[in-house]
Amino acid sequence: MQSHYNLGLVAFSLMIATLASYTALDLADRISLLAYARARQIWLAGGALAMGFGIWSMHFIGMLSFSLNIPLGYDLAVTGYSLVIAVLVSWFALYIVTRKDLGVVRLLVGGVLMGLGIASMHYVGMRALLMEPAIDYDPAIFAASIVIAIVASTAALWGAHTLRNTDQRYVMRKRIGTACVMGVAIAGMHYTGMAAANFAAGSICGAAGGVRPEWLAAAVIPSAFVILIVTLLLFHLDARAKFLADSVAQLNEQVDRMRGLTR
């Protein structure tokens, strides 16, 4: 069955994958600096929602860029399951990279589990089409997509953990460069997975009466950009507020010491 891609939506998917990656790098730095467990859990949950929605949005915008010569749609429940997987994977990733130590074993295990999670999100999302007959996957390309997901996840965990330290030189440039590499890797896994899919002639999309692609595009694209950008703004505002609060506390301590000396 013939298929083609909307190159504009492909570009959007890559942009969102890169923005989600940069958001993850920023969040990893912020969460690792929090001293209070409650604050860490709040940022972990909020960061997982934002990052998970970003990764999931990249996936579904990539799906929306793909079309066949038959009507397509998406089952709402299965689509929701893929979003839940993305959020859980994001929580796990942020939890791993914000730990004090990230040894080789923890890095490799975390990379494998995160990669399998991202691949699961992708293929559950593909299942949302409810194709009849079911999609047939090329074993070699399918395996390649899993390997790409694991390698990309391992590299992302290592990069996020390494770039938590804002005292190092050119940290902003390094984060932007790392986010671009991560974005390309995430998108690469997605489109490799799409390349593995074979649709039999005469296939029917069982979800054609479900969520229409154009509705999903209208909802997901602006929502992804807004959620990720707002998360970054909140992150920087919170960091600024923390800096100002610490500065005021230090000034108060100095004033108290000066008063003690003049007595």
C-alpha atoms as a PDB file:
ATOM      1  CA  MET A   1       0.000   0.000   0.000  1.00  0.00           C
ATOM      2  CA  GLN A   2       1.392   3.394  -0.997  1.00  0.00           C
ATOM      3  CA  SER A   3       2.289   5.905   1.697  1.00  0.00           C
ATOM      4  CA  HIS A   4       3.854   9.349   1.896  1.00  0.00           C
ATOM      5  CA  TYR A   5       4.922  11.959   4.464  1.00  0.00           C
ATOM      6  CA  ASN A   6       4.038  15.596   5.005  1.00  0.00           C
ATOM      7  CA  LEU A   7       7.500  17.157   5.259  1.00  0.00           C
ATOM      8  CA  GLY A   8       6.183  20.154   7.196  1.00  0.00           C
ATOM      9  CA  LEU A   9       4.859  17.914   9.962  1.00  0.00           C
ATOM     10  CA  VAL A  10       8.091  15.902   9.910  1.00  0.00           C
ATOM     11  CA  ALA A  11       9.976  19.156  10.594  1.00  0.00           C
ATOM     12  CA  PHE A  12       7.538  20.023  13.408  1.00  0.00           C
ATOM     13  CA  SER A  13       8.075  16.603  14.993  1.00  0.00           C
ATOM     14  CA  LEU A  14      11.847  17.131  14.987  1.00  0.00           C
ATOM     15  CA  MET A  15      11.470  20.606  16.521  1.00  0.00           C
ATOM     16  CA  ILE A  16       9.298  19.268  19.335  1.00  0.00           C
ATOM     17  CA  ALA A  17      11.682  16.347  19.981  1.00  0.00           C
ATOM     18  CA  THR A  18      14.547  18.843  20.322  1.00  0.00           C
ATOM     19  CA  LEU A  19      12.538  21.201  22.552  1.00  0.00           C
ATOM     20  CA  ALA A  20      11.452  18.293  24.773  1.00  0.00           C
ATOM     21  CA  SER A  21      15.087  17.186  25.042  1.00  0.00           C
ATOM     22  CA  TYR A  22      16.252  20.666  26.048  1.00  0.00           C
ATOM     23  CA  THR A  23      13.447  20.877  28.621  1.00  0.00           C
ATOM     24  CA  ALA A  24      14.602  17.553  30.095  1.00  0.00           C
ATOM     25  CA  LEU A  25      18.196  18.814  30.384  1.00  0.00           C
ATOM     26  CA  ASP A  26      17.067  21.985  32.159  1.00  0.00           C
ATOM     27  CA  LEU A  27      14.772  20.078  34.512  1.00  0.00           C
ATOM     28  CA  ALA A  28      17.499  17.592  35.409  1.00  0.00           C
ATOM     29  CA  ASP A  29      19.697  20.478  36.559  1.00  0.00           C
ATOM     30  CA  ARG A  30      16.936  22.119  38.592  1.00  0.00           C
ATOM     31  CA  ILE A  31      15.691  18.947  40.290  1.00  0.00           C
ATOM     32  CA  SER A  32      19.206  17.836  41.250  1.00  0.00           C
ATOM     33  CA  LEU A  33      19.699  21.114  43.160  1.00  0.00           C
ATOM     34  CA  LEU A  34      16.529  20.841  45.255  1.00  0.00           C
ATOM     35  CA  ALA A  35      17.198  20.005  48.877  1.00  0.00           C
ATOM     36  CA  TYR A  36      13.644  19.209  49.992  1.00  0.00           C
ATOM     37  CA  ALA A  37      12.100  15.851  49.079  1.00  0.00           C
ATOM     38  CA  ARG A  38       8.620  17.328  48.587  1.00  0.00           C
ATOM     39  CA  ALA A  39       9.889  19.940  46.137  1.00  0.00           C
ATOM     40  CA  ARG A  40      11.815  17.266  44.243  1.00  0.00           C
ATOM     41  CA  GLN A  41       8.715  15.097  43.916  1.00  0.00           C
ATOM     42  CA  ILE A  42       6.636  18.028  42.678  1.00  0.00           C
ATOM     43  CA  TRP A  43       9.198  18.932  40.020  1.00  0.00           C
ATOM     44  CA  LEU A  44       9.653  15.267  39.084  1.00  0.00           C
ATOM     45  CA  ALA A  45       5.914  14.887  38.529  1.00  0.00           C
ATOM     46  CA  GLY A  46       5.545  18.177  36.665  1.00  0.00           C
ATOM     47  CA  GLY A  47       8.669  17.564  34.620  1.00  0.00           C
ATOM     48  CA  ALA A  48       7.549  14.046  33.717  1.00  0.00           C
ATOM     49  CA  LEU A  49       4.190  15.360  32.501  1.00  0.00           C
ATOM     50  CA  ALA A  50       5.806  18.071  30.366  1.00  0.00           C
ATOM     51  CA  MET A  51       8.612  15.890  29.014  1.00  0.00           C
ATOM     52  CA  GLY A  52       6.299  12.905  28.474  1.00  0.00           C
ATOM     53  CA  PHE A  53       3.780  15.023  26.598  1.00  0.00           C
ATOM     54  CA  GLY A  54       6.611  16.444  24.500  1.00  0.00           C
ATOM     55  CA  ILE A  55       7.953  13.022  23.515  1.00  0.00           C
ATOM     56  CA  TRP A  56       4.444  11.702  22.901  1.00  0.00           C
ATOM     57  CA  SER A  57       3.584  14.790  20.823  1.00  0.00           C
ATOM     58  CA  MET A  58       6.665  14.244  18.679  1.00  0.00           C
ATOM     59  CA  HIS A  59       5.530  10.683  18.082  1.00  0.00           C
ATOM     60  CA  PHE A  60       1.990  11.581  17.126  1.00  0.00           C
ATOM     61  CA  ILE A  61       2.968  14.515  14.952  1.00  0.00           C
ATOM     62  CA  GLY A  62       5.256  12.032  13.203  1.00  0.00           C
ATOM     63  CA  MET A  63       2.267   9.715  12.874  1.00  0.00           C
ATOM     64  CA  LEU A  64       0.145  12.553  11.498  1.00  0.00           C
ATOM     65  CA  SER A  65       2.812  13.288   8.877  1.00  0.00           C
ATOM     66  CA  PHE A  66       2.246   9.743   7.571  1.00  0.00           C
ATOM     67  CA  SER A  67      -0.678   9.005   5.287  1.00  0.00           C
ATOM     68  CA  LEU A  68      -2.003   6.086   3.275  1.00  0.00           C
ATOM     69  CA  ASN A  69      -4.467   6.060   0.411  1.00  0.00           C
ATOM     70  CA  ILE A  70      -7.250   5.141   2.862  1.00  0.00           C
ATOM     71  CA  PRO A  71      -8.986   7.154   5.649  1.00  0.00           C
ATOM     72  CA  LEU A  72      -7.052   7.034   8.936  1.00  0.00           C
ATOM     73  CA  GLY A  73      -8.039   7.655  12.542  1.00  0.00           C
ATOM     74  CA  TYR A  74      -6.866   6.812  16.057  1.00  0.00           C
ATOM     75  CA  ASP A  75      -8.527   4.904  18.868  1.00  0.00           C
ATOM     76  CA  LEU A  76      -8.787   7.330  21.789  1.00  0.00           C
ATOM     77  CA  ALA A  77      -8.157   4.763  24.559  1.00  0.00           C
ATOM     78  CA  VAL A  78      -5.065   3.227  22.940  1.00  0.00           C
ATOM     79  CA  THR A  79      -3.755   6.722  22.165  1.00  0.00           C
ATOM     80  CA  GLY A  80      -4.183   7.550  25.856  1.00  0.00           C
ATOM     81  CA  TYR A  81      -2.243   4.436  26.861  1.00  0.00           C
ATOM     82  CA  SER A  82       0.718   5.547  24.737  1.00  0.00           C
ATOM     83  CA  LEU A  83       0.685   8.959  26.463  1.00  0.00           C
ATOM     84  CA  VAL A  84       0.724   7.294  29.910  1.00  0.00           C
ATOM     85  CA  ILE A  85       3.746   5.226  28.844  1.00  0.00           C
ATOM     86  CA  ALA A  86       5.562   8.386  27.702  1.00  0.00           C
ATOM     87  CA  VAL A  87       4.930  10.136  31.038  1.00  0.00           C
ATOM     88  CA  LEU A  88       6.087   7.117  33.066  1.00  0.00           C
ATOM     89  CA  VAL A  89       9.238   6.782  30.959  1.00  0.00           C
ATOM     90  CA  SER A  90       9.951  10.500  31.445  1.00  0.00           C
ATOM     91  CA  TRP A  91       9.506  10.242  35.214  1.00  0.00           C
ATOM     92  CA  PHE A  92      11.912   7.304  35.283  1.00  0.00           C
ATOM     93  CA  ALA A  93      14.486   9.186  33.181  1.00  0.00           C
ATOM     94  CA  LEU A  94      14.361  12.310  35.372  1.00  0.00           C
ATOM     95  CA  TYR A  95      14.585  10.179  38.508  1.00  0.00           C
ATOM     96  CA  ILE A  96      17.691   8.396  37.205  1.00  0.00           C
ATOM     97  CA  VAL A  97      19.608  11.465  36.020  1.00  0.00           C
ATOM     98  CA  THR A  98      18.917  13.506  39.155  1.00  0.00           C
ATOM     99  CA  ARG A  99      20.438  10.909  41.450  1.00  0.00           C
ATOM    100  CA  LYS A 100      23.741  11.897  43.012  1.00  0.00           C
ATOM    101  CA  ASP A 101      25.681   9.093  41.359  1.00  0.00           C
ATOM    102  CA  LEU A 102      25.120   7.490  37.965  1.00  0.00           C
ATOM    103  CA  GLY A 103      27.372   4.460  37.700  1.00  0.00           C
ATOM    104  CA  VAL A 104      27.911   2.452  34.536  1.00  0.00           C
ATOM    105  CA  VAL A 105      25.515  -0.331  35.574  1.00  0.00           C
ATOM    106  CA  ARG A 106      22.736   2.092  36.506  1.00  0.00           C
ATOM    107  CA  LEU A 107      23.311   4.024  33.264  1.00  0.00           C
ATOM    108  CA  LEU A 108      23.098   0.893  31.096  1.00  0.00           C
ATOM    109  CA  VAL A 109      20.080  -0.551  32.904  1.00  0.00           C
ATOM    110  CA  GLY A 110      18.348   2.824  32.815  1.00  0.00           C
ATOM    111  CA  GLY A 111      19.119   3.233  29.110  1.00  0.00           C
ATOM    112  CA  VAL A 112      17.719  -0.198  28.264  1.00  0.00           C
ATOM    113  CA  LEU A 113      14.523   0.315  30.284  1.00  0.00           C
ATOM    114  CA  MET A 114      13.987   3.832  28.961  1.00  0.00           C
ATOM    115  CA  GLY A 115      14.625   2.710  25.383  1.00  0.00           C
ATOM    116  CA  LEU A 116      12.158  -0.149  25.701  1.00  0.00           C
ATOM    117  CA  GLY A 117       9.644   2.293  27.191  1.00  0.00           C
ATOM    118  CA  ILE A 118       9.971   4.737  24.297  1.00  0.00           C
ATOM    119  CA  ALA A 119       9.707   1.897  21.787  1.00  0.00           C
ATOM    120  CA  SER A 120       6.602   0.625  23.613  1.00  0.00           C
ATOM    121  CA  MET A 121       5.035   4.083  23.393  1.00  0.00           C
ATOM    122  CA  HIS A 122       5.706   4.131  19.655  1.00  0.00           C
ATOM    123  CA  TYR A 123       4.275   0.711  18.876  1.00  0.00           C
ATOM    124  CA  VAL A 124       1.284   1.141  21.186  1.00  0.00           C
ATOM    125  CA  GLY A 125       0.645   4.399  19.323  1.00  0.00           C
ATOM    126  CA  MET A 126       0.799   2.502  16.031  1.00  0.00           C
ATOM    127  CA  ARG A 127      -1.704   0.023  17.456  1.00  0.00           C
ATOM    128  CA  ALA A 128      -4.137   2.926  17.874  1.00  0.00           C
ATOM    129  CA  LEU A 129      -4.775   2.762  14.109  1.00  0.00           C
ATOM    130  CA  LEU A 130      -6.515  -0.628  14.635  1.00  0.00           C
ATOM    131  CA  MET A 131      -5.450  -1.795  11.177  1.00  0.00           C
ATOM    132  CA  GLU A 132      -7.183  -4.817   9.646  1.00  0.00           C
ATOM    133  CA  PRO A 133      -5.248  -6.951   8.884  1.00  0.00           C
ATOM    134  CA  ALA A 134      -2.741  -6.033  11.580  1.00  0.00           C
ATOM    135  CA  ILE A 135       0.446  -4.183  10.656  1.00  0.00           C
ATOM    136  CA  ASP A 136       3.272  -6.537   9.680  1.00  0.00           C
ATOM    137  CA  TYR A 137       6.726  -5.440  10.863  1.00  0.00           C
ATOM    138  CA  ASP A 138      10.022  -6.191   9.157  1.00  0.00           C
ATOM    139  CA  PRO A 139      12.019  -8.024  11.889  1.00  0.00           C
ATOM    140  CA  ALA A 140      15.400  -6.452  11.045  1.00  0.00           C
ATOM    141  CA  ILE A 141      14.138  -2.858  10.890  1.00  0.00           C
ATOM    142  CA  PHE A 142      11.961  -3.452  13.963  1.00  0.00           C
ATOM    143  CA  ALA A 143      15.035  -4.636  15.888  1.00  0.00           C
ATOM    144  CA  ALA A 144      17.012  -1.637  14.594  1.00  0.00           C
ATOM    145  CA  SER A 145      14.376   0.745  15.967  1.00  0.00           C
ATOM    146  CA  ILE A 146      14.685  -0.880  19.407  1.00  0.00           C
ATOM    147  CA  VAL A 147      18.479  -0.602  19.306  1.00  0.00           C
ATOM    148  CA  ILE A 148      18.266   3.067  18.291  1.00  0.00           C
ATOM    149  CA  ALA A 149      15.841   3.745  21.152  1.00  0.00           C
ATOM    150  CA  ILE A 150      18.156   2.088  23.706  1.00  0.00           C
ATOM    151  CA  VAL A 151      21.338   3.774  22.422  1.00  0.00           C
ATOM    152  CA  ALA A 152      19.602   7.160  22.237  1.00  0.00           C
ATOM    153  CA  SER A 153      18.171   6.744  25.736  1.00  0.00           C
ATOM    154  CA  THR A 154      21.526   5.742  27.206  1.00  0.00           C
ATOM    155  CA  ALA A 155      23.233   8.730  25.574  1.00  0.00           C
ATOM    156  CA  ALA A 156      20.427  11.030  26.748  1.00  0.00           C
ATOM    157  CA  LEU A 157      20.720   9.845  30.362  1.00  0.00           C
ATOM    158  CA  TRP A 158      24.487  10.288  30.319  1.00  0.00           C
ATOM    159  CA  GLY A 159      24.245  13.737  28.719  1.00  0.00           C
ATOM    160  CA  ALA A 160      21.536  14.964  31.082  1.00  0.00           C
ATOM    161  CA  HIS A 161      23.467  13.761  34.131  1.00  0.00           C
ATOM    162  CA  THR A 162      26.738  15.273  32.901  1.00  0.00           C
ATOM    163  CA  LEU A 163      25.226  18.672  32.056  1.00  0.00           C
ATOM    164  CA  ARG A 164      23.535  19.166  35.427  1.00  0.00           C
ATOM    165  CA  ASN A 165      26.517  21.205  36.622  1.00  0.00           C
ATOM    166  CA  THR A 166      25.924  24.822  35.567  1.00  0.00           C
ATOM    167  CA  ASP A 167      29.434  25.822  36.735  1.00  0.00           C
ATOM    168  CA  GLN A 168      31.110  24.168  33.758  1.00  0.00           C
ATOM    169  CA  ARG A 169      32.085  26.278  30.742  1.00  0.00           C
ATOM    170  CA  TYR A 170      29.706  26.800  27.820  1.00  0.00           C
ATOM    171  CA  VAL A 171      26.968  24.794  29.539  1.00  0.00           C
ATOM    172  CA  MET A 172      24.211  26.503  27.519  1.00  0.00           C
ATOM    173  CA  ARG A 173      25.884  25.683  24.210  1.00  0.00           C
ATOM    174  CA  LYS A 174      26.474  22.114  25.337  1.00  0.00           C
ATOM    175  CA  ARG A 175      22.814  21.720  26.341  1.00  0.00           C
ATOM    176  CA  ILE A 176      21.582  23.072  23.022  1.00  0.00           C
ATOM    177  CA  GLY A 177      23.945  20.780  21.110  1.00  0.00           C
ATOM    178  CA  THR A 178      22.999  17.777  23.219  1.00  0.00           C
ATOM    179  CA  ALA A 179      19.283  18.567  22.827  1.00  0.00           C
ATOM    180  CA  CYS A 180      19.690  18.669  19.037  1.00  0.00           C
ATOM    181  CA  VAL A 181      21.430  15.280  19.042  1.00  0.00           C
ATOM    182  CA  MET A 182      18.774  13.827  21.356  1.00  0.00           C
ATOM    183  CA  GLY A 183      15.983  15.251  19.178  1.00  0.00           C
ATOM    184  CA  VAL A 184      17.435  13.688  16.039  1.00  0.00           C
ATOM    185  CA  ALA A 185      17.884  10.353  17.857  1.00  0.00           C
ATOM    186  CA  ILE A 186      14.281  10.316  19.152  1.00  0.00           C
ATOM    187  CA  ALA A 187      12.940  11.208  15.712  1.00  0.00           C
ATOM    188  CA  GLY A 188      15.257   8.637  14.138  1.00  0.00           C
ATOM    189  CA  MET A 189      13.797   5.891  16.306  1.00  0.00           C
ATOM    190  CA  HIS A 190      10.268   6.939  15.360  1.00  0.00           C
ATOM    191  CA  TYR A 191      10.827   7.008  11.612  1.00  0.00           C
ATOM    192  CA  THR A 192      12.832   3.783  11.716  1.00  0.00           C
ATOM    193  CA  GLY A 193       9.848   2.194  13.446  1.00  0.00           C
ATOM    194  CA  MET A 194       7.569   3.592  10.769  1.00  0.00           C
ATOM    195  CA  ALA A 195       9.851   2.162   8.073  1.00  0.00           C
ATOM    196  CA  ALA A 196       9.473  -1.273   9.678  1.00  0.00           C
ATOM    197  CA  ALA A 197       5.697  -1.183   9.221  1.00  0.00           C
ATOM    198  CA  ASN A 198       4.186  -2.948   6.233  1.00  0.00           C
ATOM    199  CA  PHE A 199       0.524  -2.359   5.383  1.00  0.00           C
ATOM    200  CA  ALA A 200      -1.105  -5.083   3.325  1.00  0.00           C
ATOM    201  CA  ALA A 201      -2.977  -4.154   0.163  1.00  0.00           C
ATOM    202  CA  GLY A 202      -6.638  -3.644   0.959  1.00  0.00           C
ATOM    203  CA  SER A 203      -5.978  -2.840   4.634  1.00  0.00           C
ATOM    204  CA  ILE A 204      -8.679  -0.971   6.552  1.00  0.00           C
ATOM    205  CA  CYS A 205      -8.125   1.401   9.469  1.00  0.00           C
ATOM    206  CA  GLY A 206     -10.527   0.207  12.174  1.00  0.00           C
ATOM    207  CA  ALA A 207     -10.219   3.559  13.974  1.00  0.00           C
ATOM    208  CA  ALA A 208     -11.137   5.651  10.930  1.00  0.00           C
ATOM    209  CA  GLY A 209     -14.249   6.747  12.791  1.00  0.00           C
ATOM    210  CA  GLY A 210     -12.269   7.695  15.908  1.00  0.00           C
ATOM    211  CA  VAL A 211     -10.039  10.696  16.482  1.00  0.00           C
ATOM    212  CA  ARG A 212      -9.444  12.327  13.099  1.00  0.00           C
ATOM    213  CA  PRO A 213      -5.821  13.181  12.206  1.00  0.00           C
ATOM    214  CA  GLU A 214      -6.610  16.844  11.500  1.00  0.00           C
ATOM    215  CA  TRP A 215      -8.293  17.232  14.915  1.00  0.00           C
ATOM    216  CA  LEU A 216      -5.332  15.624  16.622  1.00  0.00           C
ATOM    217  CA  ALA A 217      -2.903  17.876  14.747  1.00  0.00           C
ATOM    218  CA  ALA A 218      -4.857  21.008  15.695  1.00  0.00           C
ATOM    219  CA  ALA A 219      -4.821  19.976  19.362  1.00  0.00           C
ATOM    220  CA  VAL A 220      -1.356  18.454  19.753  1.00  0.00           C
ATOM    221  CA  ILE A 221       0.930  20.870  17.872  1.00  0.00           C
ATOM    222  CA  PRO A 222       0.074  24.102  19.762  1.00  0.00           C
ATOM    223  CA  SER A 223      -0.363  22.244  23.060  1.00  0.00           C
ATOM    224  CA  ALA A 224       3.108  20.705  22.827  1.00  0.00           C
ATOM    225  CA  PHE A 225       4.836  24.024  22.210  1.00  0.00           C
ATOM    226  CA  VAL A 226       2.853  25.817  24.931  1.00  0.00           C
ATOM    227  CA  ILE A 227       3.397  23.140  27.594  1.00  0.00           C
ATOM    228  CA  LEU A 228       7.145  22.834  26.957  1.00  0.00           C
ATOM    229  CA  ILE A 229       7.755  26.593  26.771  1.00  0.00           C
ATOM    230  CA  VAL A 230       5.650  27.279  29.890  1.00  0.00           C
ATOM    231  CA  THR A 231       7.570  24.552  31.737  1.00  0.00           C
ATOM    232  CA  LEU A 232      10.877  26.194  30.794  1.00  0.00           C
ATOM    233  CA  LEU A 233       9.587  29.617  31.899  1.00  0.00           C
ATOM    234  CA  LEU A 234       8.357  28.242  35.230  1.00  0.00           C
ATOM    235  CA  PHE A 235      11.686  26.505  35.711  1.00  0.00           C
ATOM    236  CA  HIS A 236      13.646  29.717  35.237  1.00  0.00           C
ATOM    237  CA  LEU A 237      11.228  31.789  37.330  1.00  0.00           C
ATOM    238  CA  ASP A 238      11.471  29.260  40.149  1.00  0.00           C
ATOM    239  CA  ALA A 239      15.269  29.250  39.914  1.00  0.00           C
ATOM    240  CA  ARG A 240      15.290  33.075  39.945  1.00  0.00           C
ATOM    241  CA  ALA A 241      12.971  33.188  42.955  1.00  0.00           C
ATOM    242  CA  LYS A 242      15.215  30.716  44.779  1.00  0.00           C
ATOM    243  CA  PHE A 243      18.269  32.857  43.989  1.00  0.00           C
ATOM    244  CA  LEU A 244      16.565  36.026  45.275  1.00  0.00           C
ATOM    245  CA  ALA A 245      15.355  34.257  48.432  1.00  0.00           C
ATOM    246  CA  ASP A 246      18.871  32.996  49.160  1.00  0.00           C
ATOM    247  CA  SER A 247      20.305  36.482  48.565  1.00  0.00           C
ATOM    248  CA  VAL A 248      17.802  38.060  50.975  1.00  0.00           C
ATOM    249  CA  ALA A 249      18.584  35.396  53.583  1.00  0.00           C
ATOM    250  CA  GLN A 250      22.312  36.103  53.268  1.00  0.00           C
ATOM    251  CA  LEU A 251      21.735  39.849  53.616  1.00  0.00           C
ATOM    252  CA  ASN A 252      19.627  39.302  56.721  1.00  0.00           C
ATOM    253  CA  GLU A 253      22.383  37.171  58.233  1.00  0.00           C
ATOM    254  CA  GLN A 254      24.942  39.890  57.527  1.00  0.00           C
ATOM    255  CA  VAL A 255      22.680  42.554  59.070  1.00  0.00           C
ATOM    256  CA  ASP A 256      22.198  40.409  62.163  1.00  0.00           C
ATOM    257  CA  ARG A 257      25.959  39.912  62.508  1.00  0.00           C
ATOM    258  CA  MET A 258      26.593  43.652  62.126  1.00  0.00           C
ATOM    259  CA  ARG A 259      23.988  44.421  64.791  1.00  0.00           C
ATOM    260  CA  GLY A 260      25.664  41.934  67.107  1.00  0.00           C
ATOM    261  CA  LEU A 261      29.027  43.627  66.610  1.00  0.00           C
ATOM    262  CA  THR A 262      27.661  47.112  67.379  1.00  0.00           C
ATOM    263  CA  ARG A 263      26.067  46.078  70.658  1.00  0.00           C
END
